[in-house]
């Protein structure tokens, strides 16, 4: 399912207002400590998201990409960034990498319309694993030497992702595995993890197409 096809979930200004009200009540120093972001009164919170810098200004209920303030971000962009600021916890990475079905409640949630965004990448790079690795590196990914191609991305300061790809051959179709440090479930709800992967996979596709 493409959330952008649903009018109710297309743009960031459709986010529930109570999220903004909650963030406005938070002490900036506490938010920065938990989420490893910066803050100044003029530009709001400064968040590195998939290799690019975004600004979140609670009083204006606005999130924009640095250098592209006129670009209207999607509902999912807003959801991921705002919920990260609200939910991130001050904890270290566990080093325990798991797939989405191994997260609490993940086996029930990540299916049907909430299947992770793997298929477009599997189709695009079925016989071009090195092309997928190159696209991942364009987003700041670091090769991890697994499968036919793999890389790790710092999606958010406390949320890394790993993409592990097995290319197609005469017997088997391409397969993409996406893994998370187990602490992801301490920072983001399952629906927001799903949205995060939607965004990351789309950006990987766009990077590979030179956009």
Protein backbone atom coordinates (compact mmCIF):
# COMPACT_ATOMS: atom_id res chain seq x y z
CA UNK A 1 0.00 0.00 0.00
CA UNK A 2 1.25 3.48 -0.89
CA UNK A 3 0.11 5.83 1.91
CA UNK A 4 0.47 8.81 -0.43
CA UNK A 5 -2.45 7.40 -2.42
CA UNK A 6 -4.73 7.99 0.59
CA UNK A 7 -5.70 11.65 0.81
CA UNK A 8 -5.92 11.53 4.60
CA UNK A 9 -2.25 10.49 4.88
CA UNK A 10 -0.60 12.49 2.11
CA UNK A 11 0.97 15.56 3.71
CA UNK A 12 2.57 16.43 7.01
CA UNK A 13 0.06 19.06 8.01
CA UNK A 14 -2.49 16.24 8.44
CA UNK A 15 -0.62 14.88 11.44
CA UNK A 16 -2.67 14.71 14.69
CA UNK A 17 -2.27 18.07 16.49
CA UNK A 18 -1.78 16.38 19.85
CA UNK A 19 1.68 15.24 18.72
CA UNK A 20 2.70 18.86 18.27
CA UNK A 21 1.13 19.86 21.59
CA UNK A 22 3.11 17.12 23.33
CA UNK A 23 6.41 18.22 21.76
CA UNK A 24 5.77 21.86 22.62
CA UNK A 25 5.55 20.89 26.29
CA UNK A 26 8.89 19.07 26.25
CA UNK A 27 12.10 20.63 27.50
CA UNK A 28 14.42 20.96 24.45
CA UNK A 29 17.49 19.83 26.40
CA UNK A 30 15.69 16.63 27.40
CA UNK A 31 14.55 15.95 23.82
CA UNK A 32 18.07 16.53 22.49
CA UNK A 33 19.63 14.23 25.07
CA UNK A 34 17.23 11.38 24.33
CA UNK A 35 17.25 11.65 20.56
CA UNK A 36 20.82 12.90 19.93
CA UNK A 37 19.69 15.98 17.98
CA UNK A 38 20.52 19.69 18.24
CA UNK A 39 18.25 22.63 19.03
CA UNK A 40 18.25 26.39 18.64
CA UNK A 41 15.39 28.83 19.15
CA UNK A 42 15.48 30.06 15.56
CA UNK A 43 15.66 26.78 13.66
CA UNK A 44 14.10 24.38 16.14
CA UNK A 45 15.34 20.80 16.33
CA UNK A 46 18.04 19.80 13.83
CA UNK A 47 17.79 16.10 12.92
CA UNK A 48 19.98 14.04 10.61
CA UNK A 49 17.63 11.72 8.73
CA UNK A 50 18.99 9.28 6.12
CA UNK A 51 22.03 11.44 5.51
CA UNK A 52 20.20 14.76 5.19
CA UNK A 53 19.47 17.49 7.72
CA UNK A 54 15.89 18.34 8.64
CA UNK A 55 14.51 21.05 10.91
CA UNK A 56 11.49 20.62 13.17
CA UNK A 57 9.95 23.85 14.51
CA UNK A 58 7.27 22.92 17.08
CA UNK A 59 5.75 26.40 17.49
CA UNK A 60 5.19 26.65 13.72
CA UNK A 61 4.19 22.97 13.46
CA UNK A 62 6.61 22.72 10.57
CA UNK A 63 9.29 20.28 9.41
CA UNK A 64 11.49 21.06 6.43
CA UNK A 65 14.68 19.81 4.82
CA UNK A 66 17.71 22.05 5.14
CA UNK A 67 18.07 24.14 1.99
CA UNK A 68 14.62 23.13 0.74
CA UNK A 69 12.18 24.93 3.03
CA UNK A 70 9.58 25.25 0.24
CA UNK A 71 9.37 21.48 -0.30
CA UNK A 72 6.20 20.02 1.18
CA UNK A 73 7.13 16.89 3.07
CA UNK A 74 4.95 13.81 3.25
CA UNK A 75 2.80 12.59 6.12
CA UNK A 76 5.28 9.77 6.68
CA UNK A 77 8.26 12.15 6.85
CA UNK A 78 6.47 14.16 9.53
CA UNK A 79 5.30 11.06 11.38
CA UNK A 80 8.76 9.49 11.57
CA UNK A 81 10.60 12.65 12.61
CA UNK A 82 8.04 13.89 15.12
CA UNK A 83 7.49 10.50 16.76
CA UNK A 84 11.24 10.00 16.98
CA UNK A 85 11.61 13.27 18.88
CA UNK A 86 8.78 12.25 21.19
CA UNK A 87 9.66 8.59 21.75
CA UNK A 88 13.44 8.15 21.46
CA UNK A 89 15.08 6.82 24.60
CA UNK A 90 18.55 7.47 25.98
CA UNK A 91 19.83 3.91 25.58
CA UNK A 92 22.79 2.37 23.71
CA UNK A 93 22.47 0.06 20.72
CA UNK A 94 22.06 -3.57 21.74
CA UNK A 95 24.08 -5.11 18.91
CA UNK A 96 21.26 -7.65 18.50
CA UNK A 97 20.08 -7.40 14.88
CA UNK A 98 16.61 -8.73 14.11
CA UNK A 99 14.12 -8.72 11.26
CA UNK A 100 10.71 -7.09 11.55
CA UNK A 101 8.93 -10.34 12.54
CA UNK A 102 11.20 -10.66 15.60
CA UNK A 103 10.09 -7.35 17.08
CA UNK A 104 7.34 -7.41 19.72
CA UNK A 105 4.08 -7.73 17.82
CA UNK A 106 5.93 -7.68 14.52
CA UNK A 107 4.79 -11.10 13.28
CA UNK A 108 1.18 -9.88 13.33
CA UNK A 109 1.76 -6.30 12.20
CA UNK A 110 4.23 -6.63 9.31
CA UNK A 111 2.06 -8.46 6.82
CA UNK A 112 -0.55 -7.61 4.20
CA UNK A 113 -0.69 -3.82 3.77
CA UNK A 114 2.15 -3.39 6.29
CA UNK A 115 4.68 -5.61 4.52
CA UNK A 116 8.03 -3.83 4.44
CA UNK A 117 8.98 -2.05 1.20
CA UNK A 118 11.25 -4.69 -0.31
CA UNK A 119 9.66 -5.64 -3.63
CA UNK A 120 10.54 -2.48 -5.63
CA UNK A 121 14.21 -2.92 -4.72
CA UNK A 122 14.14 -6.66 -5.40
CA UNK A 123 12.74 -5.99 -8.86
CA UNK A 124 15.04 -3.08 -9.67
CA UNK A 125 18.27 -4.75 -8.53
CA UNK A 126 17.42 -8.45 -9.08
CA UNK A 127 20.54 -8.99 -11.18
CA UNK A 128 22.49 -5.92 -10.09
CA UNK A 129 23.47 -6.31 -6.41
CA UNK A 130 26.40 -3.94 -6.83
CA UNK A 131 23.99 -1.26 -8.06
CA UNK A 132 21.98 -1.57 -4.85
CA UNK A 133 25.14 -1.27 -2.77
CA UNK A 134 26.14 1.84 -4.71
CA UNK A 135 22.70 3.39 -4.13
CA UNK A 136 22.96 2.64 -0.42
CA UNK A 137 26.38 4.25 -0.24
CA UNK A 138 24.95 7.40 -1.82
CA UNK A 139 22.78 7.74 1.31
CA UNK A 140 25.79 7.31 3.57
CA UNK A 141 25.50 3.53 3.90
CA UNK A 142 28.47 1.40 4.89
CA UNK A 143 29.04 -2.02 3.31
CA UNK A 144 28.71 -4.94 5.75
CA UNK A 145 29.85 -7.82 3.53
CA UNK A 146 26.75 -10.03 3.74
CA UNK A 147 24.84 -11.79 0.96
CA UNK A 148 25.50 -10.52 -2.54
CA UNK A 149 25.36 -6.92 -1.30
CA UNK A 150 24.63 -5.35 2.06
CA UNK A 151 24.94 -2.02 3.79
CA UNK A 152 24.04 -0.32 7.03
CA UNK A 153 22.35 3.08 7.13
CA UNK A 154 22.02 5.49 10.03
CA UNK A 155 18.37 6.30 9.44
CA UNK A 156 18.06 8.41 12.61
CA UNK A 157 20.71 9.11 15.25
CA UNK A 158 19.62 6.13 17.38
CA UNK A 159 18.07 4.02 14.60
CA UNK A 160 20.35 2.13 12.18
CA UNK A 161 18.98 -0.11 9.40
CA UNK A 162 20.71 -2.91 7.52
CA UNK A 163 19.78 -4.02 4.00
CA UNK A 164 21.00 -7.51 3.03
CA UNK A 165 20.44 -8.52 -0.60
CA UNK A 166 20.60 -11.81 -2.47
CA UNK A 167 20.38 -11.40 -6.22
CA UNK A 168 18.23 -13.52 -8.52
CA UNK A 169 19.61 -16.57 -10.28
CA UNK A 170 18.24 -19.42 -12.40
CA UNK A 171 16.62 -21.08 -9.38
CA UNK A 172 15.59 -18.34 -6.97
CA UNK A 173 14.16 -14.81 -7.20
CA UNK A 174 15.93 -11.87 -5.59
CA UNK A 175 15.50 -11.54 -1.83
CA UNK A 176 15.98 -8.48 0.36
CA UNK A 177 16.22 -8.78 4.12
CA UNK A 178 15.92 -5.64 6.27
CA UNK A 179 17.17 -5.82 9.84
CA UNK A 180 17.13 -3.52 12.84
CA UNK A 181 19.02 -3.18 16.08
CA UNK A 182 16.49 -4.53 18.56
CA UNK A 183 16.38 -1.17 20.36
CA UNK A 184 14.36 0.25 17.43
CA UNK A 185 11.19 -0.88 19.22
CA UNK A 186 12.15 1.32 22.18
CA UNK A 187 12.30 4.41 19.95
CA UNK A 188 9.47 3.96 17.45
CA UNK A 189 6.07 2.20 17.32
CA UNK A 190 5.64 -0.52 14.70
CA UNK A 191 3.62 1.65 12.32
CA UNK A 192 6.36 4.28 12.40
CA UNK A 193 9.05 1.66 11.76
CA UNK A 194 7.01 0.64 8.70
CA UNK A 195 6.83 4.28 7.56
CA UNK A 196 10.58 4.68 8.12
CA UNK A 197 11.36 1.72 5.85
CA UNK A 198 8.95 3.06 3.21
CA UNK A 199 10.92 6.31 3.16
CA UNK A 200 14.35 4.63 3.25
CA UNK A 201 13.54 2.22 0.41
CA UNK A 202 12.11 5.03 -1.71
CA UNK A 203 15.23 7.12 -1.19
CA UNK A 204 17.45 4.17 -2.12
CA UNK A 205 15.50 3.76 -5.37
CA UNK A 206 15.76 7.47 -6.10
CA UNK A 207 19.50 7.47 -5.36
CA UNK A 208 19.98 4.65 -7.84
CA UNK A 209 18.09 6.65 -10.48
CA UNK A 210 20.19 9.73 -9.83
CA UNK A 211 17.36 11.78 -8.29
